Amino acid sequence: MQPQIDNLGNQIPHRAKRSILWVLCLVGALQPWTVQRALAQSQPPVPPLAPNLSLQSGNQPGAQAVPGFWDPRRRPERPDLARLTVIRFLTETDYPPFNYTGPDGNPAGFNVDLARALCEEIKVTCTIQMRRFETLLDAIASNRGDAIIASMAVTPAIRARVDFTDPYYRAPGRFVARKDATLKEMRPEYLEGKKIGVIAGTAHEAFLKAMFTDATLVTFQSDDALRQALRKSEVDVIFGDAISLALWINGTDSGDCCAFSGGPFIESRFFGEGIGIAVRKGNDTLRQALNWALFRTWEKGRYTDLWLKYFSVSPF
């Protein structure tokens, strides 16, 4: 049962009320949609931060945030795996660090390593075939593969063609600032009058227009132009896809100028339901087996090890 907050707005000034609701949301006392309803009649709602993050050190020095989308209180039952003898995974050809061709010519990347870990957990033979992304759905429909693990976003349109496992990662939005200007949190009131750079026409722009109404949005047509504007101090912060921004921050193109400011935002209305493994419609045996194996991989720490291997600067 959700806490009652109907009388809050009549007793507390808006700014104080917004801060109280923000804290309640972060500690789990309120759900994001409760905060949004409470603030709907005044200022734009405070956007929720990503849940279920754990700080793990893994094999990397220092603590890093690793996403965990599995609730240990909802442990999936081990399904009947007797009918599974082989899983033919399909992935795409060129989306590093998730999928790419390794130096030996074989498939490599986070998705590929995760697929192999799942097959080891289920104890079945695993094959991985690389194909162009736009051909993957047709390939699984024509029985040229059993499961797609290719950073495919879960959307209503794609759900009409395939079934999905539980999400195994999300693509959050995050702010990036120059290293001397980062903040622990990015609340709307902190960015009043500030210039926020964002790619025009994206979900990230729509999110900022809905949530950060007192900031000045400066739109760009390309990632390069957006990031250069931050390096040149033409904007105060930029906002975009946290995964691509993490790779930029850790790469040479950034010139070690910048870092994440505040935490990740995963509001599903803007950033989707997450990334899942796709299987043919009605293949519940495989879907349930993969869900069980994903949980077990996370529970044993192998998911964390893989994440830290590929993301030295975590998107989360």
C-alpha atoms as a PDB file:
ATOM      1  CA  MET A   1       0.000   0.000   0.000  1.00  0.00           C
ATOM      2  CA  GLN A   2       1.381   3.403  -0.994  1.00  0.00           C
ATOM      3  CA  PRO A   3       1.820   6.135   1.642  1.00  0.00           C
ATOM      4  CA  GLN A   4      -0.848   8.843   1.575  1.00  0.00           C
ATOM      5  CA  ILE A   5       0.489  12.257   0.578  1.00  0.00           C
ATOM      6  CA  ASP A   6      -2.689  14.100  -0.439  1.00  0.00           C
ATOM      7  CA  ASN A   7      -2.353  16.769   2.273  1.00  0.00           C
ATOM      8  CA  LEU A   8       1.324  17.459   1.627  1.00  0.00           C
ATOM      9  CA  GLY A   9       0.779  20.065  -1.068  1.00  0.00           C
ATOM     10  CA  ASN A  10      -1.399  22.285   1.104  1.00  0.00           C
ATOM     11  CA  GLN A  11       1.062  22.448   3.975  1.00  0.00           C
ATOM     12  CA  ILE A  12       4.540  22.779   2.507  1.00  0.00           C
ATOM     13  CA  PRO A  13       5.947  25.246  -0.080  1.00  0.00           C
ATOM     14  CA  HIS A  14       6.567  23.608  -3.448  1.00  0.00           C
ATOM     15  CA  ARG A  15      10.354  23.602  -3.350  1.00  0.00           C
ATOM     16  CA  ALA A  16      10.484  22.014   0.102  1.00  0.00           C
ATOM     17  CA  LYS A  17       7.753  19.594  -0.923  1.00  0.00           C
ATOM     18  CA  ARG A  18       9.693  18.583  -4.031  1.00  0.00           C
ATOM     19  CA  SER A  19      12.827  17.917  -1.967  1.00  0.00           C
ATOM     20  CA  ILE A  20      10.890  15.796   0.547  1.00  0.00           C
ATOM     21  CA  LEU A  21       9.259  13.742  -2.207  1.00  0.00           C
ATOM     22  CA  TRP A  22      12.610  13.275  -3.910  1.00  0.00           C
ATOM     23  CA  VAL A  23      14.111  11.791  -0.740  1.00  0.00           C
ATOM     24  CA  LEU A  24      11.081   9.549  -0.185  1.00  0.00           C
ATOM     25  CA  CYS A  25      11.385   8.265  -3.753  1.00  0.00           C
ATOM     26  CA  LEU A  26      15.085   7.502  -3.375  1.00  0.00           C
ATOM     27  CA  VAL A  27      14.668   5.557  -0.149  1.00  0.00           C
ATOM     28  CA  GLY A  28      11.806   3.546  -1.594  1.00  0.00           C
ATOM     29  CA  ALA A  29       8.999   4.992   0.510  1.00  0.00           C
ATOM     30  CA  LEU A  30       7.298   6.273  -2.639  1.00  0.00           C
ATOM     31  CA  GLN A  31       7.176   4.964  -6.173  1.00  0.00           C
ATOM     32  CA  PRO A  32       8.105   7.345  -9.032  1.00  0.00           C
ATOM     33  CA  TRP A  33       4.517   7.577 -10.294  1.00  0.00           C
ATOM     34  CA  THR A  34       3.359   8.629  -6.796  1.00  0.00           C
ATOM     35  CA  VAL A  35       5.854  11.490  -6.845  1.00  0.00           C
ATOM     36  CA  GLN A  36       4.724  12.480 -10.322  1.00  0.00           C
ATOM     37  CA  ARG A  37       1.052  12.564  -9.255  1.00  0.00           C
ATOM     38  CA  ALA A  38       1.852  14.651  -6.190  1.00  0.00           C
ATOM     39  CA  LEU A  39       3.699  17.281  -8.209  1.00  0.00           C
ATOM     40  CA  ALA A  40       1.513  17.265 -11.315  1.00  0.00           C
ATOM     41  CA  GLN A  41      -0.422  20.401 -10.403  1.00  0.00           C
ATOM     42  CA  SER A  42       2.648  22.596  -9.873  1.00  0.00           C
ATOM     43  CA  GLN A  43       6.175  22.101 -11.147  1.00  0.00           C
ATOM     44  CA  PRO A  44       7.252  19.221 -13.445  1.00  0.00           C
ATOM     45  CA  PRO A  45       7.762  15.943 -11.553  1.00  0.00           C
ATOM     46  CA  VAL A  46      11.102  14.816 -10.290  1.00  0.00           C
ATOM     47  CA  PRO A  47      12.452  12.038 -12.535  1.00  0.00           C
ATOM     48  CA  PRO A  48      13.269   8.727 -10.865  1.00  0.00           C
ATOM     49  CA  LEU A  49      16.764   7.351 -10.579  1.00  0.00           C
ATOM     50  CA  ALA A  50      17.627   3.829 -11.635  1.00  0.00           C
ATOM     51  CA  PRO A  51      16.737   1.184  -9.028  1.00  0.00           C
ATOM     52  CA  ASN A  52      18.526  -1.998  -8.019  1.00  0.00           C
ATOM     53  CA  LEU A  53      22.081  -0.734  -8.329  1.00  0.00           C
ATOM     54  CA  SER A  54      24.796  -2.393  -6.309  1.00  0.00           C
ATOM     55  CA  LEU A  55      28.324  -1.194  -5.718  1.00  0.00           C
ATOM     56  CA  GLN A  56      30.705  -3.946  -6.729  1.00  0.00           C
ATOM     57  CA  SER A  57      34.474  -3.870  -6.961  1.00  0.00           C
ATOM     58  CA  GLY A  58      34.882  -7.057  -9.032  1.00  0.00           C
ATOM     59  CA  ASN A  59      38.297  -7.205 -10.647  1.00  0.00           C
ATOM     60  CA  GLN A  60      38.565  -3.428 -10.994  1.00  0.00           C
ATOM     61  CA  PRO A  61      40.054  -1.083  -8.380  1.00  0.00           C
ATOM     62  CA  GLY A  62      37.503   0.967  -6.459  1.00  0.00           C
ATOM     63  CA  ALA A  63      33.750   0.571  -6.190  1.00  0.00           C
ATOM     64  CA  GLN A  64      31.624   0.839  -9.304  1.00  0.00           C
ATOM     65  CA  ALA A  65      27.894   0.759  -9.863  1.00  0.00           C
ATOM     66  CA  VAL A  66      26.735  -2.438 -11.514  1.00  0.00           C
ATOM     67  CA  PRO A  67      23.113  -2.788 -12.610  1.00  0.00           C
ATOM     68  CA  GLY A  68      21.145  -5.613 -11.050  1.00  0.00           C
ATOM     69  CA  PHE A  69      17.645  -6.214 -12.349  1.00  0.00           C
ATOM     70  CA  TRP A  70      17.013  -9.406 -10.393  1.00  0.00           C
ATOM     71  CA  ASP A  71      15.213  -9.412  -7.078  1.00  0.00           C
ATOM     72  CA  PRO A  72      16.665 -12.148  -4.803  1.00  0.00           C
ATOM     73  CA  ARG A  73      13.272 -12.390  -3.095  1.00  0.00           C
ATOM     74  CA  ARG A  74      11.743 -13.527  -6.402  1.00  0.00           C
ATOM     75  CA  ARG A  75      14.042 -16.428  -7.130  1.00  0.00           C
ATOM     76  CA  PRO A  76      12.861 -18.212 -10.303  1.00  0.00           C
ATOM     77  CA  GLU A  77      12.300 -21.944 -10.045  1.00  0.00           C
ATOM     78  CA  ARG A  78      14.612 -24.195 -11.994  1.00  0.00           C
ATOM     79  CA  PRO A  79      12.657 -25.172 -15.128  1.00  0.00           C
ATOM     80  CA  ASP A  80      12.696 -28.548 -16.849  1.00  0.00           C
ATOM     81  CA  LEU A  81      15.849 -28.363 -18.968  1.00  0.00           C
ATOM     82  CA  ALA A  82      15.736 -31.934 -20.279  1.00  0.00           C
ATOM     83  CA  ARG A  83      14.359 -30.883 -23.663  1.00  0.00           C
ATOM     84  CA  LEU A  84      17.109 -28.327 -24.262  1.00  0.00           C
ATOM     85  CA  THR A  85      20.127 -29.818 -26.024  1.00  0.00           C
ATOM     86  CA  VAL A  86      21.429 -26.829 -27.964  1.00  0.00           C
ATOM     87  CA  ILE A  87      20.776 -23.084 -28.063  1.00  0.00           C
ATOM     88  CA  ARG A  88      21.516 -21.294 -31.325  1.00  0.00           C
ATOM     89  CA  PHE A  89      22.147 -17.681 -30.387  1.00  0.00           C
ATOM     90  CA  LEU A  90      21.995 -14.915 -32.965  1.00  0.00           C
ATOM     91  CA  THR A  91      23.789 -11.625 -32.448  1.00  0.00           C
ATOM     92  CA  GLU A  92      24.701  -8.673 -34.604  1.00  0.00           C
ATOM     93  CA  THR A  93      27.961  -7.972 -36.342  1.00  0.00           C
ATOM     94  CA  ASP A  94      29.175  -4.567 -35.186  1.00  0.00           C
ATOM     95  CA  TYR A  95      28.020  -2.943 -31.952  1.00  0.00           C
ATOM     96  CA  PRO A  96      31.061  -2.817 -29.663  1.00  0.00           C
ATOM     97  CA  PRO A  97      31.500  -3.486 -26.818  1.00  0.00           C
ATOM     98  CA  PHE A  98      28.353  -5.637 -26.927  1.00  0.00           C
ATOM     99  CA  ASN A  99      28.961  -7.476 -30.205  1.00  0.00           C
ATOM    100  CA  TYR A 100      31.956  -7.414 -32.530  1.00  0.00           C
ATOM    101  CA  THR A 101      34.370  -9.675 -34.339  1.00  0.00           C
ATOM    102  CA  GLY A 102      37.343 -10.583 -32.154  1.00  0.00           C
ATOM    103  CA  PRO A 103      40.984 -10.705 -33.272  1.00  0.00           C
ATOM    104  CA  ASP A 104      40.586 -14.419 -33.984  1.00  0.00           C
ATOM    105  CA  GLY A 105      37.599 -13.791 -36.257  1.00  0.00           C
ATOM    106  CA  ASN A 106      35.094 -15.207 -33.778  1.00  0.00           C
ATOM    107  CA  PRO A 107      32.146 -13.389 -32.138  1.00  0.00           C
ATOM    108  CA  ALA A 108      33.133 -11.360 -29.086  1.00  0.00           C
ATOM    109  CA  GLY A 109      31.654  -8.812 -26.707  1.00  0.00           C
ATOM    110  CA  PHE A 110      29.487  -8.512 -23.612  1.00  0.00           C
ATOM    111  CA  ASN A 111      26.442 -10.154 -25.199  1.00  0.00           C
ATOM    112  CA  VAL A 112      28.536 -13.015 -26.561  1.00  0.00           C
ATOM    113  CA  ASP A 113      30.233 -13.708 -23.233  1.00  0.00           C
ATOM    114  CA  LEU A 114      26.901 -13.540 -21.444  1.00  0.00           C
ATOM    115  CA  ALA A 115      25.361 -16.030 -23.904  1.00  0.00           C
ATOM    116  CA  ARG A 116      28.213 -18.459 -23.230  1.00  0.00           C
ATOM    117  CA  ALA A 117      27.781 -18.043 -19.472  1.00  0.00           C
ATOM    118  CA  LEU A 118      24.071 -18.826 -19.790  1.00  0.00           C
ATOM    119  CA  CYS A 119      24.774 -21.965 -21.787  1.00  0.00           C
ATOM    120  CA  GLU A 120      27.271 -23.100 -19.162  1.00  0.00           C
ATOM    121  CA  GLU A 121      24.661 -22.546 -16.458  1.00  0.00           C
ATOM    122  CA  ILE A 122      22.000 -24.489 -18.371  1.00  0.00           C
ATOM    123  CA  LYS A 123      24.628 -27.065 -19.401  1.00  0.00           C
ATOM    124  CA  VAL A 124      23.773 -27.171 -23.084  1.00  0.00           C
ATOM    125  CA  THR A 125      25.756 -26.755 -26.276  1.00  0.00           C
ATOM    126  CA  CYS A 126      25.808 -23.148 -27.433  1.00  0.00           C
ATOM    127  CA  THR A 127      26.400 -21.728 -30.914  1.00  0.00           C
ATOM    128  CA  ILE A 128      26.629 -18.030 -31.720  1.00  0.00           C
ATOM    129  CA  GLN A 129      26.059 -16.685 -35.215  1.00  0.00           C
ATOM    130  CA  MET A 130      26.618 -13.053 -36.198  1.00  0.00           C
ATOM    131  CA  ARG A 131      24.181 -11.405 -38.604  1.00  0.00           C
ATOM    132  CA  ARG A 132      23.190  -7.883 -39.602  1.00  0.00           C
ATOM    133  CA  PHE A 133      20.844  -6.463 -36.990  1.00  0.00           C
ATOM    134  CA  GLU A 134      17.985  -5.861 -39.421  1.00  0.00           C
ATOM    135  CA  THR A 135      17.920  -9.563 -40.367  1.00  0.00           C
ATOM    136  CA  LEU A 136      17.708 -10.996 -36.839  1.00  0.00           C
ATOM    137  CA  LEU A 137      13.930 -11.086 -36.394  1.00  0.00           C
ATOM    138  CA  ASP A 138      13.370 -12.721 -39.773  1.00  0.00           C
ATOM    139  CA  ALA A 139      16.105 -15.261 -39.020  1.00  0.00           C
ATOM    140  CA  ILE A 140      14.506 -16.385 -35.766  1.00  0.00           C
ATOM    141  CA  ALA A 141      11.043 -16.469 -37.357  1.00  0.00           C
ATOM    142  CA  SER A 142      12.352 -18.832 -40.043  1.00  0.00           C
ATOM    143  CA  ASN A 143      14.007 -21.110 -37.440  1.00  0.00           C
ATOM    144  CA  ARG A 144      17.577 -20.158 -38.318  1.00  0.00           C
ATOM    145  CA  GLY A 145      18.240 -19.491 -34.653  1.00  0.00           C
ATOM    146  CA  ASP A 146      16.665 -19.958 -31.221  1.00  0.00           C
ATOM    147  CA  ALA A 147      17.437 -16.737 -29.338  1.00  0.00           C
ATOM    148  CA  ILE A 148      18.575 -13.209 -30.164  1.00  0.00           C
ATOM    149  CA  ILE A 149      21.077 -11.623 -27.790  1.00  0.00           C
ATOM    150  CA  ALA A 150      21.951  -8.397 -29.576  1.00  0.00           C
ATOM    151  CA  SER A 151      21.042  -5.455 -27.326  1.00  0.00           C
ATOM    152  CA  MET A 152      17.507  -5.547 -28.726  1.00  0.00           C
ATOM    153  CA  ALA A 153      15.192  -3.122 -26.942  1.00  0.00           C
ATOM    154  CA  VAL A 154      11.886  -4.433 -25.656  1.00  0.00           C
ATOM    155  CA  THR A 155       9.161  -2.469 -27.458  1.00  0.00           C
ATOM    156  CA  PRO A 156       5.471  -3.167 -28.160  1.00  0.00           C
ATOM    157  CA  ALA A 157       6.187  -3.498 -31.894  1.00  0.00           C
ATOM    158  CA  ILE A 158       8.900  -6.104 -31.414  1.00  0.00           C
ATOM    159  CA  ARG A 159       6.884  -7.894 -28.721  1.00  0.00           C
ATOM    160  CA  ALA A 160       4.311  -8.582 -31.410  1.00  0.00           C
ATOM    161  CA  ARG A 161       6.894 -10.691 -33.242  1.00  0.00           C
ATOM    162  CA  VAL A 162       8.883 -12.381 -30.447  1.00  0.00           C
ATOM    163  CA  ASP A 163       8.799 -13.080 -26.718  1.00  0.00           C
ATOM    164  CA  PHE A 164      11.426 -11.606 -24.392  1.00  0.00           C
ATOM    165  CA  THR A 165      13.218 -12.706 -21.263  1.00  0.00           C
ATOM    166  CA  ASP A 166      13.450 -10.426 -18.286  1.00  0.00           C
ATOM    167  CA  PRO A 167      15.636  -7.363 -19.007  1.00  0.00           C
ATOM    168  CA  TYR A 168      19.347  -8.001 -18.501  1.00  0.00           C
ATOM    169  CA  TYR A 169      20.342  -4.352 -18.822  1.00  0.00           C
ATOM    170  CA  ARG A 170      18.901  -0.936 -19.572  1.00  0.00           C
ATOM    171  CA  ALA A 171      20.177   2.069 -21.476  1.00  0.00           C
ATOM    172  CA  PRO A 172      19.714   4.905 -18.969  1.00  0.00           C
ATOM    173  CA  GLY A 173      20.029   8.610 -19.572  1.00  0.00           C
ATOM    174  CA  ARG A 174      22.745  10.506 -17.695  1.00  0.00           C
ATOM    175  CA  PHE A 175      24.239  13.939 -17.370  1.00  0.00           C
ATOM    176  CA  VAL A 176      27.905  14.596 -18.085  1.00  0.00           C
ATOM    177  CA  ALA A 177      29.775  17.676 -16.882  1.00  0.00           C
ATOM    178  CA  ARG A 178      33.334  18.864 -16.932  1.00  0.00           C
ATOM    179  CA  LYS A 179      35.290  17.241 -14.136  1.00  0.00           C
ATOM    180  CA  ASP A 180      35.486  20.419 -12.047  1.00  0.00           C
ATOM    181  CA  ALA A 181      31.705  20.880 -12.115  1.00  0.00           C
ATOM    182  CA  THR A 182      30.165  17.469 -11.358  1.00  0.00           C
ATOM    183  CA  LEU A 183      27.413  17.041  -8.774  1.00  0.00           C
ATOM    184  CA  LYS A 184      26.370  14.049  -6.702  1.00  0.00           C
ATOM    185  CA  GLU A 185      22.714  14.539  -7.682  1.00  0.00           C
ATOM    186  CA  MET A 186      21.039  16.247 -10.633  1.00  0.00           C
ATOM    187  CA  ARG A 187      17.752  17.676  -9.445  1.00  0.00           C
ATOM    188  CA  PRO A 188      15.687  20.054 -11.600  1.00  0.00           C
ATOM    189  CA  GLU A 189      16.304  22.982  -9.239  1.00  0.00           C
ATOM    190  CA  TYR A 190      20.071  22.503  -9.560  1.00  0.00           C
ATOM    191  CA  LEU A 191      19.916  23.232 -13.293  1.00  0.00           C
ATOM    192  CA  GLU A 192      17.666  26.294 -13.271  1.00  0.00           C
ATOM    193  CA  GLY A 193      19.082  28.749 -15.817  1.00  0.00           C
ATOM    194  CA  LYS A 194      21.825  26.319 -16.894  1.00  0.00           C
ATOM    195  CA  LYS A 195      22.516  25.298 -20.489  1.00  0.00           C
ATOM    196  CA  ILE A 196      21.928  21.595 -21.153  1.00  0.00           C
ATOM    197  CA  GLY A 197      23.167  20.127 -24.423  1.00  0.00           C
ATOM    198  CA  VAL A 198      21.147  17.312 -25.990  1.00  0.00           C
ATOM    199  CA  ILE A 199      20.646  15.664 -29.386  1.00  0.00           C
ATOM    200  CA  ALA A 200      17.605  17.126 -31.148  1.00  0.00           C
ATOM    201  CA  GLY A 201      14.574  14.933 -31.666  1.00  0.00           C
ATOM    202  CA  THR A 202      15.579  12.219 -29.179  1.00  0.00           C
ATOM    203  CA  ALA A 203      13.865  10.725 -26.154  1.00  0.00           C
ATOM    204  CA  HIS A 204      16.526  12.490 -24.089  1.00  0.00           C
ATOM    205  CA  GLU A 205      15.348  15.877 -25.369  1.00  0.00           C
ATOM    206  CA  ALA A 206      11.717  14.952 -24.630  1.00  0.00           C
ATOM    207  CA  PHE A 207      12.699  13.886 -21.116  1.00  0.00           C
ATOM    208  CA  LEU A 208      14.437  17.195 -20.416  1.00  0.00           C
ATOM    209  CA  LYS A 209      11.489  19.191 -21.768  1.00  0.00           C
ATOM    210  CA  ALA A 210       9.156  17.335 -19.419  1.00  0.00           C
ATOM    211  CA  MET A 211      11.324  17.255 -16.309  1.00  0.00           C
ATOM    212  CA  PHE A 212      13.891  20.088 -16.404  1.00  0.00           C
ATOM    213  CA  THR A 213      11.670  22.954 -17.523  1.00  0.00           C
ATOM    214  CA  ASP A 214      13.679  25.753 -15.918  1.00  0.00           C
ATOM    215  CA  ALA A 215      16.887  24.934 -17.792  1.00  0.00           C
ATOM    216  CA  THR A 216      17.867  26.176 -21.252  1.00  0.00           C
ATOM    217  CA  LEU A 217      18.097  23.359 -23.791  1.00  0.00           C
ATOM    218  CA  VAL A 218      20.708  23.646 -26.527  1.00  0.00           C
ATOM    219  CA  THR A 219      20.141  21.059 -29.251  1.00  0.00           C
ATOM    220  CA  PHE A 220      22.725  19.467 -31.539  1.00  0.00           C
ATOM    221  CA  GLN A 221      22.530  17.231 -34.602  1.00  0.00           C
ATOM    222  CA  SER A 222      25.405  14.859 -33.776  1.00  0.00           C
ATOM    223  CA  ASP A 223      27.168  13.301 -30.809  1.00  0.00           C
ATOM    224  CA  ASP A 224      30.477  14.836 -31.836  1.00  0.00           C
ATOM    225  CA  ALA A 225      29.044  18.361 -31.872  1.00  0.00           C
ATOM    226  CA  LEU A 226      27.312  17.782 -28.534  1.00  0.00           C
ATOM    227  CA  ARG A 227      30.437  16.540 -26.809  1.00  0.00           C
ATOM    228  CA  GLN A 228      32.686  19.217 -28.278  1.00  0.00           C
ATOM    229  CA  ALA A 229      30.307  21.871 -26.960  1.00  0.00           C
ATOM    230  CA  LEU A 230      30.837  20.534 -23.447  1.00  0.00           C
ATOM    231  CA  ARG A 231      34.605  20.404 -23.863  1.00  0.00           C
ATOM    232  CA  LYS A 232      34.565  24.038 -25.038  1.00  0.00           C
ATOM    233  CA  SER A 233      32.278  25.119 -22.144  1.00  0.00           C
ATOM    234  CA  GLU A 234      29.560  26.204 -24.568  1.00  0.00           C
ATOM    235  CA  VAL A 235      27.067  24.308 -22.394  1.00  0.00           C
ATOM    236  CA  ASP A 236      27.111  23.545 -18.683  1.00  0.00           C
ATOM    237  CA  VAL A 237      26.196  19.854 -18.993  1.00  0.00           C
ATOM    238  CA  ILE A 238      25.061  17.404 -21.643  1.00  0.00           C
ATOM    239  CA  PHE A 239      22.437  14.673 -21.379  1.00  0.00           C
ATOM    240  CA  GLY A 240      22.218  11.492 -23.425  1.00  0.00           C
ATOM    241  CA  ASP A 241      22.602   7.739 -23.663  1.00  0.00           C
ATOM    242  CA  ALA A 242      24.712   6.673 -20.693  1.00  0.00           C
ATOM    243  CA  ILE A 243      26.314   3.718 -22.453  1.00  0.00           C
ATOM    244  CA  SER A 244      27.748   5.696 -25.344  1.00  0.00           C
ATOM    245  CA  LEU A 245      28.708   8.493 -22.959  1.00  0.00           C
ATOM    246  CA  ALA A 246      30.562   6.045 -20.698  1.00  0.00           C
ATOM    247  CA  LEU A 247      32.612   4.835 -23.663  1.00  0.00           C
ATOM    248  CA  TRP A 248      33.355   8.439 -24.667  1.00  0.00           C
ATOM    249  CA  ILE A 249      34.388   9.448 -21.138  1.00  0.00           C
ATOM    250  CA  ASN A 250      36.802   6.507 -20.969  1.00  0.00           C
ATOM    251  CA  GLY A 251      38.140   6.998 -24.504  1.00  0.00           C
ATOM    252  CA  THR A 252      40.792   9.275 -25.946  1.00  0.00           C
ATOM    253  CA  ASP A 253      38.286  11.540 -27.744  1.00  0.00           C
ATOM    254  CA  SER A 254      37.142  13.046 -24.454  1.00  0.00           C
ATOM    255  CA  GLY A 255      40.612  14.284 -23.573  1.00  0.00           C
ATOM    256  CA  ASP A 256      39.886  13.297 -19.956  1.00  0.00           C
ATOM    257  CA  CYS A 257      37.721  16.412 -19.712  1.00  0.00           C
ATOM    258  CA  CYS A 258      34.524  15.143 -18.270  1.00  0.00           C
ATOM    259  CA  ALA A 259      32.679  12.749 -15.970  1.00  0.00           C
ATOM    260  CA  PHE A 260      29.173  11.656 -15.111  1.00  0.00           C
ATOM    261  CA  SER A 261      27.254  14.089 -12.926  1.00  0.00           C
ATOM    262  CA  GLY A 262      24.549  12.579 -10.774  1.00  0.00           C
ATOM    263  CA  GLY A 263      23.037   9.145 -11.253  1.00  0.00           C
ATOM    264  CA  PRO A 264      21.214   7.345 -14.062  1.00  0.00           C
ATOM    265  CA  PHE A 265      17.597   7.932 -15.089  1.00  0.00           C
ATOM    266  CA  ILE A 266      15.563   5.012 -16.447  1.00  0.00           C
ATOM    267  CA  GLU A 267      12.043   6.411 -16.786  1.00  0.00           C
ATOM    268  CA  SER A 268      10.450   3.773 -19.026  1.00  0.00           C
ATOM    269  CA  ARG A 269       8.117   6.226 -20.757  1.00  0.00           C
ATOM    270  CA  PHE A 270      11.178   7.832 -22.326  1.00  0.00           C
ATOM    271  CA  PHE A 271      13.945   5.226 -22.244  1.00  0.00           C
ATOM    272  CA  GLY A 272      12.026   1.994 -22.792  1.00  0.00           C
ATOM    273  CA  GLU A 273      11.492  -1.241 -20.896  1.00  0.00           C
ATOM    274  CA  GLY A 274      15.074  -2.439 -21.146  1.00  0.00           C
ATOM    275  CA  ILE A 275      17.091  -4.948 -23.161  1.00  0.00           C
ATOM    276  CA  GLY A 276      16.043  -8.588 -23.253  1.00  0.00           C
ATOM    277  CA  ILE A 277      16.846 -11.833 -25.050  1.00  0.00           C
ATOM    278  CA  ALA A 278      14.290 -12.556 -27.771  1.00  0.00           C
ATOM    279  CA  VAL A 279      12.896 -16.034 -28.487  1.00  0.00           C
ATOM    280  CA  ARG A 280      10.209 -17.255 -30.884  1.00  0.00           C
ATOM    281  CA  LYS A 281       6.626 -16.628 -29.854  1.00  0.00           C
ATOM    282  CA  GLY A 282       5.410 -19.312 -27.489  1.00  0.00           C
ATOM    283  CA  ASN A 283       8.831 -20.827 -26.757  1.00  0.00           C
ATOM    284  CA  ASP A 284       8.280 -20.674 -23.005  1.00  0.00           C
ATOM    285  CA  THR A 285      10.675 -23.543 -22.309  1.00  0.00           C
ATOM    286  CA  LEU A 286      13.654 -21.595 -23.627  1.00  0.00           C
ATOM    287  CA  ARG A 287      12.480 -18.257 -22.253  1.00  0.00           C
ATOM    288  CA  GLN A 288      12.075 -19.656 -18.732  1.00  0.00           C
ATOM    289  CA  ALA A 289      15.412 -21.462 -18.943  1.00  0.00           C
ATOM    290  CA  LEU A 290      17.168 -18.229 -19.939  1.00  0.00           C
ATOM    291  CA  ASN A 291      15.430 -16.282 -17.157  1.00  0.00           C
ATOM    292  CA  TRP A 292      16.599 -18.860 -14.633  1.00  0.00           C
ATOM    293  CA  ALA A 293      20.150 -18.825 -16.033  1.00  0.00           C
ATOM    294  CA  LEU A 294      20.271 -15.010 -16.025  1.00  0.00           C
ATOM    295  CA  PHE A 295      19.334 -14.972 -12.343  1.00  0.00           C
ATOM    296  CA  ARG A 296      21.895 -17.648 -11.512  1.00  0.00           C
ATOM    297  CA  THR A 297      24.624 -15.817 -13.450  1.00  0.00           C
ATOM    298  CA  TRP A 298      23.891 -12.640 -11.534  1.00  0.00           C
ATOM    299  CA  GLU A 299      23.597 -14.468  -8.196  1.00  0.00           C
ATOM    300  CA  LYS A 300      27.020 -16.088  -8.632  1.00  0.00           C
ATOM    301  CA  GLY A 301      28.707 -12.779  -9.499  1.00  0.00           C
ATOM    302  CA  ARG A 302      29.521 -13.711 -13.088  1.00  0.00           C
ATOM    303  CA  TYR A 303      27.294 -10.956 -14.475  1.00  0.00           C
ATOM    304  CA  THR A 304      29.141  -8.404 -12.352  1.00  0.00           C
ATOM    305  CA  ASP A 305      32.513  -9.678 -13.570  1.00  0.00           C
ATOM    306  CA  LEU A 306      31.385  -9.402 -17.201  1.00  0.00           C
ATOM    307  CA  TRP A 307      29.978  -5.916 -16.712  1.00  0.00           C
ATOM    308  CA  LEU A 308      33.169  -4.611 -15.132  1.00  0.00           C
ATOM    309  CA  LYS A 309      35.242  -6.276 -17.846  1.00  0.00           C
ATOM    310  CA  TYR A 310      33.543  -4.249 -20.567  1.00  0.00           C
ATOM    311  CA  PHE A 311      32.659  -1.039 -18.715  1.00  0.00           C
ATOM    312  CA  SER A 312      35.556   0.414 -16.757  1.00  0.00           C
ATOM    313  CA  VAL A 313      33.413   3.553 -16.502  1.00  0.00           C
ATOM    314  CA  SER A 314      29.969   2.194 -15.683  1.00  0.00           C
ATOM    315  CA  PRO A 315      26.902   3.727 -17.382  1.00  0.00           C
ATOM    316  CA  PHE A 316      25.256   3.240 -13.990  1.00  0.00           C
END
